[in-house]
Amino acid sequence: MTKPYKTVCKDCGWRGLSSERLEAQSPFADELIHGCPYCIRVDCFLTA
């Protein structure tokens, strides 16, 4: 039984589950990247 790993935003300190990440369009590539739902900065998650 695996749990979703926790994430933390290095900018605002928000902590949550990886499933709570928001997806945003990357300005550098045609890929979706994850962002923080509170400070809305993209690619700011680190695994805790």
C-alpha atoms as a PDB file:
ATOM      1  CA  MET A   1       0.000   0.000   0.000  1.00  0.00           C
ATOM      2  CA  THR A   2       1.666   3.186  -1.187  1.00  0.00           C
ATOM      3  CA  LYS A   3       0.869   6.682   0.018  1.00  0.00           C
ATOM      4  CA  PRO A   4       1.101   9.765  -2.180  1.00  0.00           C
ATOM      5  CA  TYR A   5       4.334  11.511  -1.275  1.00  0.00           C
ATOM      6  CA  LYS A   6       4.161  14.920   0.335  1.00  0.00           C
ATOM      7  CA  THR A   7       5.273  18.041  -1.432  1.00  0.00           C
ATOM      8  CA  VAL A   8       6.412  21.400  -0.162  1.00  0.00           C
ATOM      9  CA  CYS A   9       6.578  24.730  -1.942  1.00  0.00           C
ATOM     10  CA  LYS A  10      10.003  26.290  -1.412  1.00  0.00           C
ATOM     11  CA  ASP A  11       8.534  29.742  -2.039  1.00  0.00           C
ATOM     12  CA  CYS A  12       5.517  29.917   0.270  1.00  0.00           C
ATOM     13  CA  GLY A  13       6.062  26.826   2.428  1.00  0.00           C
ATOM     14  CA  TRP A  14       2.732  25.202   1.522  1.00  0.00           C
ATOM     15  CA  ARG A  15       2.635  21.471   2.171  1.00  0.00           C
ATOM     16  CA  GLY A  16       0.288  19.026   0.541  1.00  0.00           C
ATOM     17  CA  LEU A  17      -0.047  15.771  -1.306  1.00  0.00           C
ATOM     18  CA  SER A  18       1.281  15.310  -4.801  1.00  0.00           C
ATOM     19  CA  SER A  19      -2.283  14.763  -5.998  1.00  0.00           C
ATOM     20  CA  GLU A  20      -3.111  18.351  -5.014  1.00  0.00           C
ATOM     21  CA  ARG A  21      -0.647  19.870  -7.470  1.00  0.00           C
ATOM     22  CA  LEU A  22      -2.035  22.138 -10.132  1.00  0.00           C
ATOM     23  CA  GLU A  23      -1.000  21.764 -13.731  1.00  0.00           C
ATOM     24  CA  ALA A  24       0.178  24.739 -15.752  1.00  0.00           C
ATOM     25  CA  GLN A  25       1.577  25.128 -19.223  1.00  0.00           C
ATOM     26  CA  SER A  26       5.342  25.329 -19.264  1.00  0.00           C
ATOM     27  CA  PRO A  27       6.654  28.435 -21.061  1.00  0.00           C
ATOM     28  CA  PHE A  28       9.767  26.504 -22.117  1.00  0.00           C
ATOM     29  CA  ALA A  29       8.242  23.358 -23.615  1.00  0.00           C
ATOM     30  CA  ASP A  30       4.958  21.833 -24.688  1.00  0.00           C
ATOM     31  CA  GLU A  31       4.689  19.988 -21.396  1.00  0.00           C
ATOM     32  CA  LEU A  32       2.497  20.343 -18.346  1.00  0.00           C
ATOM     33  CA  ILE A  33       4.332  21.272 -15.177  1.00  0.00           C
ATOM     34  CA  HIS A  34       3.072  21.407 -11.617  1.00  0.00           C
ATOM     35  CA  GLY A  35       2.531  24.558  -9.602  1.00  0.00           C
ATOM     36  CA  CYS A  36       1.567  25.566  -6.090  1.00  0.00           C
ATOM     37  CA  PRO A  37      -2.183  26.269  -5.636  1.00  0.00           C
ATOM     38  CA  TYR A  38      -1.478  29.032  -3.114  1.00  0.00           C
ATOM     39  CA  CYS A  39       1.312  31.175  -4.526  1.00  0.00           C
ATOM     40  CA  ILE A  40       0.703  29.946  -8.101  1.00  0.00           C
ATOM     41  CA  ARG A  41       4.415  29.623  -8.804  1.00  0.00           C
ATOM     42  CA  VAL A  42       5.148  26.762 -11.148  1.00  0.00           C
ATOM     43  CA  ASP A  43       7.780  24.072 -10.702  1.00  0.00           C
ATOM     44  CA  CYS A  44       8.295  25.021  -7.047  1.00  0.00           C
ATOM     45  CA  PHE A  45       7.723  21.646  -5.383  1.00  0.00           C
ATOM     46  CA  LEU A  46      10.333  19.640  -3.558  1.00  0.00           C
ATOM     47  CA  THR A  47       9.726  16.148  -2.186  1.00  0.00           C
ATOM     48  CA  ALA A  48       9.595  16.213   1.595  1.00  0.00           C
END
